[in-house]
Amino acid sequence: MVNNPSDQLSRWFTDSSIPAQYIMLKLKTPSIVETIKFGKYIKAHVSDLKKFQIFGGTDENNLSLLLSAGLKKDSSPETFRLRHKTVEGLYLPIQYIKIVPVQSWGPAYNYTIWYVELQGKNQEELISYAMDTINLKKEEEAVRILLKHLRRRRYRDAFEALSRESGVRLEGSIQARLWNALVESGDYKLAEQILEEAVHTGEFDWYMSWQIYTPQWRQMSACSAQVEARLCCGDPAPLSPSAPINDLLCNDRDPRPDSAVRITIYYILESVYI
């Protein structure tokens, strides 16, 4: 595609706004595409993409979502960063780019793409290593799914043989012990002990970090009826000197005379020495 923003014919456009339309771009070789740039017309156009999605992968029939975004209603080119790494931090090589228009700025208007530019990495050694790593991960995931099926169907010998030969672990040690305790043995007491051990070792820390905080309140110190009345009604009058000593724990009352403070300290020291 050629970036010619002043030419109204230099674009890809549709005849209608039905959603089942897309552009499929095929790269010469698998590459790691990091960013995509959209060019625009010299002025804002109603057919520009207000919402769009971008998919990518090495197989045109099995693509993953790389971006879900939209263009601003102006004439400035925009660059978006694509998802080019897996959850484990591995590079995600792709050869097919699928741009799917979702909504235009004009109501029930057709879609228009003026210019697209892709940037990333295509070094042969890097791509070869990324492809081998991704294929290995796919094989491990396939074995893991098969192990899950064998264990669920109680094919214990086949499960142990495949796990031993492949070296793939279906789950962590704590999860495996919990499965054996609950499903195989029905030992609920042992299952509770395993869960307590998981709590102490921090197995639930990541899960708990995503939970919503719930406040728990506790009374810092007891207040007398007079203090409660002051807090409720806003009475600025000071408390009578005959108030109980435990009212000193309330930080909102007026300070007592020095003598009262000295007497209180004396009682405290006397109780300590006793």
Protein backbone atom coordinates (compact mmCIF):
# COMPACT_ATOMS: atom_id res chain seq x y z
CA MET A 1 0.00 0.00 0.00
CA VAL A 2 1.12 3.55 -0.77
CA ASN A 3 0.66 6.37 1.73
CA ASN A 4 -1.00 9.10 -0.33
CA PRO A 5 -3.32 10.96 2.09
CA SER A 6 -4.43 13.54 -0.49
CA ASP A 7 -5.80 10.95 -2.94
CA GLN A 8 -9.33 9.78 -2.15
CA LEU A 9 -8.86 6.72 -4.35
CA SER A 10 -5.73 5.57 -2.51
CA ARG A 11 -7.61 3.44 -0.01
CA TRP A 12 -9.41 0.20 0.65
CA PHE A 13 -13.14 0.63 1.25
CA THR A 14 -16.29 -1.45 1.42
CA ASP A 15 -19.68 -1.05 -0.17
CA SER A 16 -21.58 -1.54 3.10
CA SER A 17 -21.09 -1.61 6.85
CA ILE A 18 -21.84 -5.27 7.48
CA PRO A 19 -19.32 -6.63 10.01
CA ALA A 20 -18.26 -9.76 8.09
CA GLN A 21 -15.51 -7.95 6.18
CA TYR A 22 -11.77 -7.93 6.70
CA ILE A 23 -8.34 -7.58 5.10
CA MET A 24 -5.91 -10.51 5.22
CA LEU A 25 -2.24 -9.58 4.83
CA LYS A 26 0.32 -12.32 4.23
CA LEU A 27 3.97 -11.62 5.03
CA LYS A 28 6.75 -13.10 2.92
CA THR A 29 8.21 -14.90 5.93
CA PRO A 30 7.10 -15.33 9.55
CA SER A 31 8.01 -12.22 11.51
CA ILE A 32 7.56 -10.66 14.92
CA VAL A 33 5.26 -7.69 14.27
CA GLU A 34 5.49 -5.17 17.10
CA THR A 35 3.56 -2.14 15.81
CA ILE A 36 1.01 -1.23 13.16
CA LYS A 37 0.55 2.26 11.75
CA PHE A 38 -2.67 3.55 10.17
CA GLY A 39 -2.50 6.44 7.74
CA LYS A 40 -5.47 8.78 7.20
CA TYR A 41 -6.95 11.22 4.72
CA ILE A 42 -5.87 14.87 4.86
CA LYS A 43 -9.01 15.61 6.89
CA ALA A 44 -11.27 13.61 9.18
CA HIS A 45 -13.47 11.16 7.29
CA VAL A 46 -16.73 9.54 8.44
CA SER A 47 -15.67 6.15 7.10
CA ASP A 48 -12.55 5.94 9.28
CA LEU A 49 -12.43 3.02 11.70
CA LYS A 50 -13.85 3.99 15.07
CA LYS A 51 -13.37 0.41 16.26
CA PHE A 52 -11.35 -2.43 14.81
CA GLN A 53 -9.63 -5.68 15.74
CA ILE A 54 -6.38 -7.22 14.54
CA PHE A 55 -5.64 -10.94 14.54
CA GLY A 56 -2.43 -12.74 13.68
CA GLY A 57 -0.76 -16.13 13.50
CA THR A 58 1.21 -18.57 11.36
CA ASP A 59 -1.96 -20.35 10.20
CA GLU A 60 -4.68 -18.29 8.55
CA ASN A 61 -7.33 -20.60 10.03
CA ASN A 62 -6.02 -20.27 13.59
CA LEU A 63 -5.40 -16.63 14.47
CA SER A 64 -5.07 -14.95 17.87
CA LEU A 65 -6.30 -11.51 18.88
CA LEU A 66 -3.40 -9.04 18.85
CA LEU A 67 -5.19 -5.71 19.27
CA SER A 68 -8.63 -4.22 19.85
CA ALA A 69 -8.65 -0.43 19.45
CA GLY A 70 -9.96 2.47 17.37
CA LEU A 71 -8.82 5.49 15.39
CA LYS A 72 -9.39 9.09 16.41
CA LYS A 73 -11.54 11.29 14.22
CA ASP A 74 -8.73 13.43 12.81
CA SER A 75 -6.11 13.43 10.05
CA SER A 76 -3.06 12.42 12.12
CA PRO A 77 -1.58 8.94 11.53
CA GLU A 78 -1.76 6.62 14.52
CA THR A 79 0.57 3.84 15.62
CA PHE A 80 -0.54 0.95 17.85
CA ARG A 81 1.55 -1.64 19.64
CA LEU A 82 0.54 -5.23 18.91
CA ARG A 83 0.75 -8.17 21.25
CA HIS A 84 3.91 -9.91 20.06
CA LYS A 85 4.75 -12.03 23.12
CA THR A 86 3.02 -14.89 24.87
CA VAL A 87 2.02 -14.92 28.52
CA GLU A 88 5.34 -16.65 29.30
CA GLY A 89 7.25 -13.83 27.60
CA LEU A 90 8.13 -15.77 24.43
CA TYR A 91 8.12 -14.08 21.04
CA LEU A 92 5.01 -14.74 18.95
CA PRO A 93 5.92 -15.03 15.24
CA ILE A 94 3.12 -14.46 12.73
CA GLN A 95 2.75 -14.59 8.97
CA TYR A 96 -0.88 -13.58 8.57
CA ILE A 97 -2.38 -10.27 9.70
CA LYS A 98 -6.17 -9.97 9.70
CA ILE A 99 -7.67 -6.48 10.08
CA VAL A 100 -11.37 -6.63 10.99
CA PRO A 101 -13.39 -3.36 10.90
CA VAL A 102 -16.04 -3.24 13.61
CA GLN A 103 -17.50 0.28 13.46
CA SER A 104 -16.97 3.47 11.46
CA TRP A 105 -17.37 7.04 12.69
CA GLY A 106 -20.40 7.60 10.47
CA PRO A 107 -23.64 5.82 11.41
CA ALA A 108 -24.21 2.81 9.12
CA TYR A 109 -21.33 3.99 6.91
CA ASN A 110 -18.87 1.88 4.96
CA TYR A 111 -15.33 1.16 6.19
CA THR A 112 -12.15 2.73 4.86
CA ILE A 113 -8.48 1.92 5.42
CA TRP A 114 -6.12 4.44 3.84
CA TYR A 115 -2.70 3.07 4.66
CA VAL A 116 -1.14 0.35 6.82
CA GLU A 117 2.49 0.00 7.87
CA LEU A 118 3.93 -2.88 9.92
CA GLN A 119 7.17 -2.80 11.90
CA GLY A 120 8.97 -5.51 13.83
CA LYS A 121 11.75 -8.10 13.62
CA ASN A 122 12.45 -10.74 10.97
CA GLN A 123 16.01 -11.91 11.69
CA GLU A 124 16.32 -15.52 10.58
CA GLU A 125 17.93 -16.83 13.77
CA LEU A 126 15.42 -15.08 16.02
CA ILE A 127 12.43 -16.28 14.01
CA SER A 128 13.76 -19.85 13.85
CA TYR A 129 14.27 -19.95 17.62
CA ALA A 130 10.83 -18.43 18.25
CA MET A 131 9.13 -20.92 15.93
CA ASP A 132 10.85 -23.90 17.58
CA THR A 133 9.92 -22.64 21.04
CA ILE A 134 6.29 -22.06 20.11
CA ASN A 135 6.00 -25.50 18.49
CA LEU A 136 7.50 -27.11 21.60
CA LYS A 137 4.99 -25.27 23.78
CA LYS A 138 2.16 -26.48 21.56
CA GLU A 139 3.34 -30.08 21.91
CA GLU A 140 3.57 -29.74 25.69
CA GLU A 141 0.06 -28.31 25.83
CA ALA A 142 -1.26 -31.19 23.69
CA VAL A 143 0.39 -33.73 26.00
CA ARG A 144 -1.00 -31.91 29.04
CA ILE A 145 -4.54 -32.07 27.63
CA LEU A 146 -4.10 -35.80 26.96
CA LEU A 147 -2.80 -36.37 30.49
CA LYS A 148 -5.84 -34.59 31.87
CA HIS A 149 -8.12 -36.85 29.84
CA LEU A 150 -6.31 -40.03 30.94
CA ARG A 151 -6.46 -39.11 34.60
CA ARG A 152 -10.12 -38.16 34.42
CA ARG A 153 -10.96 -41.50 32.79
CA ARG A 154 -8.87 -43.34 35.45
CA TYR A 155 -6.33 -44.77 32.98
CA ARG A 156 -3.65 -44.69 35.65
CA ASP A 157 -1.03 -46.84 33.89
CA ALA A 158 -1.31 -44.87 30.65
CA PHE A 159 -1.22 -41.60 32.59
CA GLU A 160 1.95 -42.52 34.49
CA ALA A 161 3.65 -43.89 31.36
CA LEU A 162 2.94 -40.78 29.27
CA SER A 163 3.94 -38.46 32.10
CA ARG A 164 7.20 -40.36 32.63
CA GLU A 165 8.15 -40.58 28.94
CA SER A 166 7.23 -37.00 27.99
CA GLY A 167 8.50 -35.31 31.13
CA VAL A 168 5.43 -33.04 31.09
CA ARG A 169 3.84 -32.25 34.43
CA LEU A 170 0.10 -31.84 34.41
CA GLU A 171 0.16 -29.60 37.47
CA GLY A 172 2.20 -28.66 40.51
CA SER A 173 3.00 -30.98 43.39
CA ILE A 174 0.42 -29.44 45.73
CA GLN A 175 -2.34 -29.71 43.11
CA ALA A 176 -1.41 -33.35 42.46
CA ARG A 177 -1.49 -34.18 46.18
CA LEU A 178 -4.85 -32.45 46.52
CA TRP A 179 -6.25 -34.47 43.59
CA ASN A 180 -5.06 -37.74 45.13
CA ALA A 181 -6.44 -36.81 48.53
CA LEU A 182 -9.89 -35.76 47.28
CA VAL A 183 -10.54 -37.88 44.19
CA GLU A 184 -8.46 -41.00 44.73
CA SER A 185 -8.64 -41.39 48.51
CA GLY A 186 -11.57 -39.22 49.60
CA ASP A 187 -9.52 -38.03 52.58
CA TYR A 188 -10.99 -34.62 53.40
CA LYS A 189 -8.86 -34.15 56.52
CA LEU A 190 -5.69 -34.57 54.47
CA ALA A 191 -7.11 -32.19 51.85
CA GLU A 192 -7.57 -29.52 54.54
CA GLN A 193 -3.98 -30.01 55.69
CA ILE A 194 -2.74 -29.62 52.11
CA LEU A 195 -4.72 -26.39 51.72
CA GLU A 196 -3.31 -25.02 54.97
CA GLU A 197 0.18 -25.87 53.76
CA ALA A 198 -0.54 -24.10 50.47
CA VAL A 199 -1.61 -20.99 52.36
CA HIS A 200 1.59 -20.93 54.43
CA THR A 201 3.82 -21.43 51.36
CA GLY A 202 2.15 -18.56 49.47
CA GLU A 203 0.33 -20.58 46.81
CA PHE A 204 -2.71 -18.30 47.08
CA ASP A 205 -0.83 -15.00 47.20
CA TRP A 206 -1.29 -14.25 43.49
CA TYR A 207 -5.00 -15.08 43.65
CA MET A 208 -5.52 -13.01 46.79
CA SER A 209 -3.73 -10.03 45.24
CA TRP A 210 -6.56 -9.75 42.69
CA GLN A 211 -9.37 -9.80 45.26
CA ILE A 212 -11.26 -6.69 46.36
CA TYR A 213 -10.26 -5.39 49.77
CA THR A 214 -12.89 -5.70 52.52
CA PRO A 215 -12.53 -3.39 55.55
CA GLN A 216 -12.59 -4.87 59.04
CA TRP A 217 -13.28 -2.44 61.86
CA ARG A 218 -12.41 -2.75 65.54
CA GLN A 219 -12.90 -0.33 68.41
CA MET A 220 -9.64 1.36 69.36
CA SER A 221 -10.84 2.50 72.84
CA ALA A 222 -14.05 2.83 74.76
CA CYS A 223 -15.66 6.25 75.11
CA SER A 224 -18.08 7.42 77.75
CA ALA A 225 -21.60 8.63 77.05
CA GLN A 226 -20.44 12.25 77.31
CA VAL A 227 -17.81 11.76 74.60
CA GLU A 228 -20.34 9.99 72.41
CA ALA A 229 -22.71 12.94 72.84
CA ARG A 230 -19.97 15.40 71.87
CA LEU A 231 -19.12 13.43 68.76
CA CYS A 232 -22.77 13.16 67.78
CA CYS A 233 -24.01 16.67 68.56
CA GLY A 234 -20.80 18.68 68.20
CA ASP A 235 -21.02 20.22 71.67
CA PRO A 236 -17.80 22.21 72.22
CA ALA A 237 -18.27 22.26 76.01
CA PRO A 238 -15.43 20.54 77.87
CA LEU A 239 -16.06 17.43 79.91
CA SER A 240 -16.44 17.61 83.67
CA PRO A 241 -13.31 16.84 85.72
CA SER A 242 -15.08 13.88 87.31
CA ALA A 243 -14.99 11.84 84.13
CA PRO A 244 -13.49 8.33 84.43
CA ILE A 245 -9.79 7.92 83.85
CA ASN A 246 -10.31 5.60 80.87
CA ASP A 247 -11.69 8.59 78.98
CA LEU A 248 -8.10 9.75 78.63
CA LEU A 249 -7.79 7.19 75.83
CA CYS A 250 -10.07 9.29 73.63
CA ASN A 251 -7.96 11.63 71.52
CA ASP A 252 -10.72 14.19 70.93
CA ARG A 253 -11.28 15.41 74.49
CA ASP A 254 -9.83 18.56 76.02
CA PRO A 255 -6.57 18.08 77.95
CA ARG A 256 -6.91 17.63 81.69
CA PRO A 257 -5.02 19.76 84.21
CA ASP A 258 -1.41 18.86 84.84
CA SER A 259 -2.25 17.51 88.26
CA ALA A 260 -4.65 14.98 86.83
CA VAL A 261 -2.06 13.89 84.32
CA ARG A 262 0.55 13.49 87.05
CA ILE A 263 -1.85 11.46 89.17
CA THR A 264 -2.60 9.19 86.21
CA ILE A 265 1.07 8.66 85.49
CA TYR A 266 1.65 7.95 89.17
CA TYR A 267 -1.02 5.27 89.19
CA ILE A 268 0.43 3.70 86.05
CA LEU A 269 3.97 3.64 87.49
CA GLU A 270 2.69 2.26 90.77
CA SER A 271 0.88 -0.55 89.01
CA VAL A 272 4.01 -1.38 87.03
CA TYR A 273 6.22 -1.60 90.12
CA ILE A 274 3.65 -3.71 91.91
